[in-house]
Amino acid sequence: MKATSQDPRILLVDDNTVVRDMLVDLVASLGYRADAAASGQEALELFDRGQYSLVLTDLLMPGMNGWDVLAALRQRDAHIPVVIVTGSPVAGDPRAFQPGVAVQKKPVDVTGLDATIKRMLHARLAV
């Protein structure tokens, strides 16, 4: 297990600087430490060097999209919780219903995101 349960750390991935900075501030306000990446490739490099409890990634990004990030993360850690944040519909996409995957709609609802993070971290600790 890569995550340390005492000090949950979240890896945020979004190609939009404004959204990425907002998510870092939002996650910090919820009491979590966060590192941010501007691309899927940068996120994987950070993931390989760090210990993360959860990854929160945008879906639509140039290069690696959120599904690509999810697939690459699963190769590194089959149990890492991943939250996909998107303004695009994902209904019917089986990747959205995998164990350890949650989808949050943009604009992000703070209460909903907090509940999702807590639920997914709790499930991760139970594995």
N, C-alpha and C. Protein backbone atom coordinates (compact mmCIF):
# COMPACT_ATOMS: atom_id res chain seq x y z
N MET A 1 0.85 -1.18 0.00
CA MET A 1 0.00 0.00 0.00
C MET A 1 0.89 1.24 0.00
N LYS A 2 0.64 2.15 -0.92
CA LYS A 2 1.46 3.34 -1.03
C LYS A 2 1.06 4.44 -0.05
N ALA A 3 -0.19 4.43 0.38
CA ALA A 3 -0.71 5.53 1.19
C ALA A 3 -0.36 5.35 2.66
N THR A 4 -0.19 6.46 3.34
CA THR A 4 -0.04 6.43 4.78
C THR A 4 -1.36 6.86 5.37
N SER A 5 -1.95 6.00 6.20
CA SER A 5 -3.30 6.27 6.69
C SER A 5 -3.35 7.43 7.67
N GLN A 6 -2.24 7.75 8.36
CA GLN A 6 -2.26 8.81 9.35
C GLN A 6 -2.31 10.19 8.70
N ASP A 7 -1.78 10.33 7.52
CA ASP A 7 -1.64 11.64 6.91
C ASP A 7 -2.04 11.58 5.44
N PRO A 8 -3.35 11.54 5.17
CA PRO A 8 -3.79 11.39 3.78
C PRO A 8 -3.26 12.52 2.90
N ARG A 9 -2.72 12.12 1.77
CA ARG A 9 -2.19 13.07 0.80
C ARG A 9 -2.89 12.82 -0.52
N ILE A 10 -3.30 13.89 -1.16
CA ILE A 10 -4.05 13.80 -2.40
C ILE A 10 -3.23 14.36 -3.54
N LEU A 11 -3.25 13.65 -4.65
CA LEU A 11 -2.62 14.12 -5.88
C LEU A 11 -3.71 14.66 -6.78
N LEU A 12 -3.61 15.94 -7.14
CA LEU A 12 -4.59 16.62 -7.99
C LEU A 12 -4.02 16.79 -9.40
N VAL A 13 -4.84 16.48 -10.41
CA VAL A 13 -4.39 16.58 -11.79
C VAL A 13 -5.40 17.39 -12.59
N ASP A 14 -4.96 18.53 -13.11
CA ASP A 14 -5.82 19.34 -13.98
C ASP A 14 -4.93 20.22 -14.84
N ASP A 15 -5.23 20.27 -16.13
CA ASP A 15 -4.41 21.07 -17.04
C ASP A 15 -4.72 22.56 -16.96
N ASN A 16 -5.84 22.94 -16.35
CA ASN A 16 -6.23 24.34 -16.21
C ASN A 16 -5.66 24.89 -14.90
N THR A 17 -4.78 25.87 -15.01
CA THR A 17 -4.10 26.42 -13.83
C THR A 17 -5.08 26.96 -12.79
N VAL A 18 -6.09 27.68 -13.23
CA VAL A 18 -7.05 28.28 -12.30
C VAL A 18 -7.81 27.17 -11.54
N VAL A 19 -8.29 26.17 -12.27
CA VAL A 19 -9.03 25.07 -11.65
C VAL A 19 -8.11 24.29 -10.71
N ARG A 20 -6.90 24.02 -11.16
CA ARG A 20 -5.93 23.27 -10.35
C ARG A 20 -5.65 24.00 -9.03
N ASP A 21 -5.40 25.30 -9.09
CA ASP A 21 -5.13 26.08 -7.88
C ASP A 21 -6.35 26.11 -6.96
N MET A 22 -7.54 26.21 -7.56
CA MET A 22 -8.76 26.20 -6.76
C MET A 22 -8.93 24.87 -6.04
N LEU A 23 -8.65 23.77 -6.74
CA LEU A 23 -8.78 22.46 -6.13
C LEU A 23 -7.76 22.26 -5.01
N VAL A 24 -6.56 22.74 -5.20
CA VAL A 24 -5.54 22.66 -4.14
C VAL A 24 -6.04 23.39 -2.90
N ASP A 25 -6.55 24.60 -3.08
CA ASP A 25 -7.07 25.37 -1.95
C ASP A 25 -8.27 24.69 -1.31
N LEU A 26 -9.16 24.15 -2.13
CA LEU A 26 -10.35 23.48 -1.64
C LEU A 26 -9.98 22.25 -0.81
N VAL A 27 -9.10 21.42 -1.33
CA VAL A 27 -8.69 20.21 -0.63
C VAL A 27 -7.95 20.57 0.67
N ALA A 28 -7.14 21.62 0.62
CA ALA A 28 -6.45 22.08 1.84
C ALA A 28 -7.47 22.56 2.88
N SER A 29 -8.52 23.23 2.43
CA SER A 29 -9.53 23.72 3.38
C SER A 29 -10.29 22.56 4.03
N LEU A 30 -10.28 21.39 3.38
CA LEU A 30 -10.91 20.20 3.94
C LEU A 30 -9.96 19.43 4.86
N GLY A 31 -8.73 19.92 4.96
CA GLY A 31 -7.77 19.33 5.89
C GLY A 31 -6.80 18.33 5.30
N TYR A 32 -6.67 18.30 3.98
CA TYR A 32 -5.77 17.36 3.34
C TYR A 32 -4.56 18.06 2.75
N ARG A 33 -3.46 17.36 2.72
CA ARG A 33 -2.28 17.86 2.00
C ARG A 33 -2.44 17.45 0.54
N ALA A 34 -2.03 18.32 -0.35
CA ALA A 34 -2.19 18.03 -1.77
C ALA A 34 -0.98 18.47 -2.57
N ASP A 35 -0.67 17.67 -3.57
CA ASP A 35 0.30 18.03 -4.59
C ASP A 35 -0.48 18.15 -5.88
N ALA A 36 -0.02 19.01 -6.78
CA ALA A 36 -0.75 19.25 -8.02
C ALA A 36 0.12 18.99 -9.23
N ALA A 37 -0.51 18.46 -10.26
CA ALA A 37 0.16 18.20 -11.53
C ALA A 37 -0.66 18.82 -12.65
N ALA A 38 0.03 19.32 -13.67
CA ALA A 38 -0.62 19.98 -14.80
C ALA A 38 -0.95 19.02 -15.94
N SER A 39 -0.49 17.77 -15.83
CA SER A 39 -0.74 16.79 -16.89
C SER A 39 -0.73 15.39 -16.29
N GLY A 40 -1.25 14.46 -17.08
CA GLY A 40 -1.23 13.08 -16.64
C GLY A 40 0.18 12.56 -16.45
N GLN A 41 1.07 12.90 -17.36
CA GLN A 41 2.45 12.44 -17.26
C GLN A 41 3.12 12.98 -16.00
N GLU A 42 2.92 14.28 -15.73
CA GLU A 42 3.49 14.87 -14.52
C GLU A 42 2.90 14.20 -13.27
N ALA A 43 1.63 13.88 -13.32
CA ALA A 43 0.98 13.22 -12.18
C ALA A 43 1.61 11.85 -11.92
N LEU A 44 1.88 11.10 -12.97
CA LEU A 44 2.47 9.78 -12.79
C LEU A 44 3.88 9.89 -12.23
N GLU A 45 4.63 10.89 -12.66
CA GLU A 45 5.97 11.10 -12.11
C GLU A 45 5.89 11.43 -10.62
N LEU A 46 4.96 12.29 -10.22
CA LEU A 46 4.78 12.59 -8.80
C LEU A 46 4.32 11.35 -8.03
N PHE A 47 3.39 10.61 -8.62
CA PHE A 47 2.87 9.40 -7.96
C PHE A 47 3.99 8.40 -7.70
N ASP A 48 4.88 8.25 -8.67
CA ASP A 48 5.97 7.30 -8.52
C ASP A 48 6.97 7.71 -7.44
N ARG A 49 7.04 9.00 -7.14
CA ARG A 49 7.98 9.50 -6.13
C ARG A 49 7.34 9.69 -4.76
N GLY A 50 6.02 9.79 -4.70
CA GLY A 50 5.35 10.13 -3.45
C GLY A 50 4.48 9.02 -2.92
N GLN A 51 3.84 9.31 -1.82
CA GLN A 51 2.88 8.39 -1.22
C GLN A 51 1.54 9.11 -1.16
N TYR A 52 0.60 8.63 -1.95
CA TYR A 52 -0.70 9.28 -2.05
C TYR A 52 -1.80 8.34 -1.59
N SER A 53 -2.79 8.94 -0.95
CA SER A 53 -3.94 8.19 -0.47
C SER A 53 -5.07 8.18 -1.48
N LEU A 54 -5.06 9.18 -2.38
CA LEU A 54 -6.15 9.35 -3.33
C LEU A 54 -5.66 10.24 -4.47
N VAL A 55 -6.19 10.02 -5.67
CA VAL A 55 -5.89 10.88 -6.82
C VAL A 55 -7.19 11.48 -7.31
N LEU A 56 -7.17 12.77 -7.53
CA LEU A 56 -8.31 13.51 -8.07
C LEU A 56 -7.87 14.07 -9.41
N THR A 57 -8.50 13.64 -10.49
CA THR A 57 -8.05 14.04 -11.81
C THR A 57 -9.19 14.57 -12.68
N ASP A 58 -8.86 15.56 -13.47
CA ASP A 58 -9.77 16.06 -14.50
C ASP A 58 -9.93 14.95 -15.54
N LEU A 59 -11.05 14.93 -16.23
CA LEU A 59 -11.27 13.92 -17.26
C LEU A 59 -10.70 14.36 -18.60
N LEU A 60 -11.06 15.56 -19.04
CA LEU A 60 -10.66 16.01 -20.37
C LEU A 60 -9.40 16.87 -20.29
N MET A 61 -8.28 16.27 -20.68
CA MET A 61 -6.99 16.96 -20.69
C MET A 61 -6.27 16.56 -21.96
N PRO A 62 -5.42 17.44 -22.48
CA PRO A 62 -4.61 17.06 -23.65
C PRO A 62 -3.59 15.99 -23.25
N GLY A 63 -3.19 15.19 -24.20
CA GLY A 63 -2.26 14.11 -23.89
C GLY A 63 -3.02 12.99 -23.20
N MET A 64 -2.67 12.72 -21.96
CA MET A 64 -3.36 11.70 -21.17
C MET A 64 -4.63 12.30 -20.60
N ASN A 65 -5.78 11.67 -20.90
CA ASN A 65 -7.01 12.13 -20.26
C ASN A 65 -7.17 11.41 -18.92
N GLY A 66 -8.23 11.71 -18.21
CA GLY A 66 -8.44 11.12 -16.89
C GLY A 66 -8.52 9.62 -16.90
N TRP A 67 -9.14 9.03 -17.96
CA TRP A 67 -9.21 7.58 -18.06
C TRP A 67 -7.82 6.98 -18.25
N ASP A 68 -6.98 7.67 -19.03
CA ASP A 68 -5.60 7.20 -19.22
C ASP A 68 -4.83 7.24 -17.90
N VAL A 69 -5.05 8.32 -17.15
CA VAL A 69 -4.39 8.45 -15.84
C VAL A 69 -4.86 7.31 -14.94
N LEU A 70 -6.15 7.05 -14.92
CA LEU A 70 -6.70 5.97 -14.11
C LEU A 70 -6.05 4.63 -14.47
N ALA A 71 -5.97 4.33 -15.76
CA ALA A 71 -5.39 3.05 -16.21
C ALA A 71 -3.92 2.93 -15.78
N ALA A 72 -3.17 4.01 -15.93
CA ALA A 72 -1.76 3.99 -15.55
C ALA A 72 -1.59 3.85 -14.03
N LEU A 73 -2.46 4.50 -13.28
CA LEU A 73 -2.41 4.38 -11.82
C LEU A 73 -2.72 2.95 -11.38
N ARG A 74 -3.69 2.33 -12.02
CA ARG A 74 -4.08 0.95 -11.67
C ARG A 74 -2.92 -0.02 -11.88
N GLN A 75 -2.06 0.26 -12.86
CA GLN A 75 -0.88 -0.57 -13.08
C GLN A 75 0.13 -0.41 -11.95
N ARG A 76 0.13 0.76 -11.32
CA ARG A 76 1.07 1.04 -10.24
C ARG A 76 0.52 0.62 -8.88
N ASP A 77 -0.78 0.82 -8.68
CA ASP A 77 -1.43 0.52 -7.40
C ASP A 77 -2.89 0.21 -7.71
N ALA A 78 -3.23 -1.06 -7.67
CA ALA A 78 -4.57 -1.50 -8.08
C ALA A 78 -5.68 -0.97 -7.17
N HIS A 79 -5.32 -0.48 -5.99
CA HIS A 79 -6.33 -0.08 -5.02
C HIS A 79 -6.39 1.43 -4.75
N ILE A 80 -5.61 2.22 -5.46
CA ILE A 80 -5.62 3.67 -5.21
C ILE A 80 -7.00 4.23 -5.60
N PRO A 81 -7.66 4.93 -4.68
CA PRO A 81 -8.93 5.57 -5.03
C PRO A 81 -8.70 6.73 -6.01
N VAL A 82 -9.56 6.82 -7.00
CA VAL A 82 -9.44 7.87 -8.01
C VAL A 82 -10.80 8.57 -8.16
N VAL A 83 -10.77 9.89 -8.04
CA VAL A 83 -11.95 10.70 -8.26
C VAL A 83 -11.77 11.42 -9.60
N ILE A 84 -12.69 11.18 -10.50
CA ILE A 84 -12.68 11.85 -11.81
C ILE A 84 -13.59 13.07 -11.70
N VAL A 85 -13.04 14.23 -12.02
CA VAL A 85 -13.81 15.48 -11.98
C VAL A 85 -14.05 15.90 -13.42
N THR A 86 -15.33 16.11 -13.76
CA THR A 86 -15.63 16.41 -15.15
C THR A 86 -16.92 17.21 -15.31
N GLY A 87 -16.95 17.97 -16.36
CA GLY A 87 -18.17 18.64 -16.76
C GLY A 87 -18.87 17.87 -17.87
N SER A 88 -18.23 16.80 -18.33
CA SER A 88 -18.77 15.98 -19.41
C SER A 88 -19.56 14.80 -18.85
N PRO A 89 -20.57 14.36 -19.57
CA PRO A 89 -21.34 13.20 -19.10
C PRO A 89 -20.50 11.93 -19.20
N VAL A 90 -20.61 11.06 -18.19
CA VAL A 90 -19.91 9.78 -18.21
C VAL A 90 -20.89 8.62 -18.02
N ALA A 91 -22.19 8.93 -18.00
CA ALA A 91 -23.21 7.90 -17.81
C ALA A 91 -23.03 6.81 -18.87
N GLY A 92 -23.05 5.59 -18.42
CA GLY A 92 -22.91 4.47 -19.33
C GLY A 92 -21.47 4.05 -19.58
N ASP A 93 -20.50 4.84 -19.16
CA ASP A 93 -19.10 4.46 -19.34
C ASP A 93 -18.71 3.52 -18.19
N PRO A 94 -18.39 2.27 -18.48
CA PRO A 94 -18.11 1.30 -17.42
C PRO A 94 -16.92 1.68 -16.55
N ARG A 95 -16.01 2.49 -17.06
CA ARG A 95 -14.85 2.90 -16.25
C ARG A 95 -15.27 3.71 -15.04
N ALA A 96 -16.40 4.41 -15.15
CA ALA A 96 -16.88 5.25 -14.05
C ALA A 96 -17.45 4.41 -12.90
N PHE A 97 -17.69 3.13 -13.15
CA PHE A 97 -18.32 2.28 -12.14
C PHE A 97 -17.37 1.22 -11.59
N GLN A 98 -16.08 1.36 -11.86
CA GLN A 98 -15.10 0.43 -11.31
C GLN A 98 -14.99 0.63 -9.80
N PRO A 99 -14.68 -0.41 -9.06
CA PRO A 99 -14.40 -0.22 -7.63
C PRO A 99 -13.26 0.78 -7.46
N GLY A 100 -13.40 1.65 -6.49
CA GLY A 100 -12.35 2.63 -6.21
C GLY A 100 -12.36 3.84 -7.12
N VAL A 101 -13.43 4.00 -7.90
CA VAL A 101 -13.56 5.16 -8.79
C VAL A 101 -14.84 5.89 -8.45
N ALA A 102 -14.74 7.22 -8.37
CA ALA A 102 -15.91 8.07 -8.16
C ALA A 102 -15.86 9.20 -9.18
N VAL A 103 -17.01 9.70 -9.55
CA VAL A 103 -17.09 10.82 -10.49
C VAL A 103 -17.76 11.99 -9.79
N GLN A 104 -17.14 13.15 -9.88
CA GLN A 104 -17.69 14.40 -9.35
C GLN A 104 -17.89 15.34 -10.53
N LYS A 105 -19.06 15.95 -10.59
CA LYS A 105 -19.37 16.89 -11.67
C LYS A 105 -18.79 18.26 -11.37
N LYS A 106 -18.39 18.96 -12.44
CA LYS A 106 -18.01 20.36 -12.33
C LYS A 106 -19.26 21.18 -12.55
N PRO A 107 -19.43 22.29 -11.87
CA PRO A 107 -18.54 22.78 -10.82
C PRO A 107 -18.62 21.88 -9.59
N VAL A 108 -17.49 21.76 -8.92
CA VAL A 108 -17.36 20.85 -7.79
C VAL A 108 -18.17 21.36 -6.60
N ASP A 109 -18.97 20.47 -6.05
CA ASP A 109 -19.73 20.75 -4.83
C ASP A 109 -18.83 20.39 -3.65
N VAL A 110 -18.50 21.35 -2.81
CA VAL A 110 -17.56 21.15 -1.71
C VAL A 110 -18.02 20.03 -0.78
N THR A 111 -19.28 20.05 -0.39
CA THR A 111 -19.81 19.04 0.53
C THR A 111 -19.74 17.66 -0.10
N GLY A 112 -20.14 17.58 -1.36
CA GLY A 112 -20.11 16.30 -2.06
C GLY A 112 -18.70 15.77 -2.24
N LEU A 113 -17.76 16.66 -2.57
CA LEU A 113 -16.37 16.24 -2.72
C LEU A 113 -15.81 15.76 -1.40
N ASP A 114 -16.09 16.48 -0.32
CA ASP A 114 -15.61 16.08 1.00
C ASP A 114 -16.14 14.70 1.36
N ALA A 115 -17.42 14.47 1.15
CA ALA A 115 -18.02 13.17 1.46
C ALA A 115 -17.41 12.06 0.61
N THR A 116 -17.17 12.35 -0.66
CA THR A 116 -16.57 11.36 -1.56
C THR A 116 -15.16 11.02 -1.12
N ILE A 117 -14.35 12.02 -0.81
CA ILE A 117 -12.98 11.78 -0.36
C ILE A 117 -12.98 10.93 0.90
N LYS A 118 -13.80 11.30 1.88
CA LYS A 118 -13.85 10.54 3.13
C LYS A 118 -14.29 9.10 2.89
N ARG A 119 -15.31 8.92 2.05
CA ARG A 119 -15.81 7.56 1.76
C ARG A 119 -14.73 6.72 1.09
N MET A 120 -14.04 7.32 0.13
CA MET A 120 -13.03 6.57 -0.61
C MET A 120 -11.79 6.27 0.24
N LEU A 121 -11.41 7.22 1.09
CA LEU A 121 -10.27 6.95 1.98
C LEU A 121 -10.62 5.85 2.97
N HIS A 122 -11.84 5.88 3.49
CA HIS A 122 -12.28 4.85 4.43
C HIS A 122 -12.27 3.47 3.76
N ALA A 123 -12.77 3.41 2.52
CA ALA A 123 -12.78 2.14 1.78
C ALA A 123 -11.36 1.67 1.53
N ARG A 124 -10.46 2.59 1.24
CA ARG A 124 -9.05 2.24 0.98
C ARG A 124 -8.43 1.63 2.22
N LEU A 125 -8.72 2.19 3.38
CA LEU A 125 -8.14 1.68 4.63
C LEU A 125 -8.70 0.31 4.97
N ALA A 126 -9.89 0.02 4.49
CA ALA A 126 -10.52 -1.27 4.78
C ALA A 126 -9.98 -2.39 3.89
N VAL A 127 -9.27 -2.04 2.81
CA VAL A 127 -8.74 -3.04 1.87
C VAL A 127 -7.57 -3.75 2.51
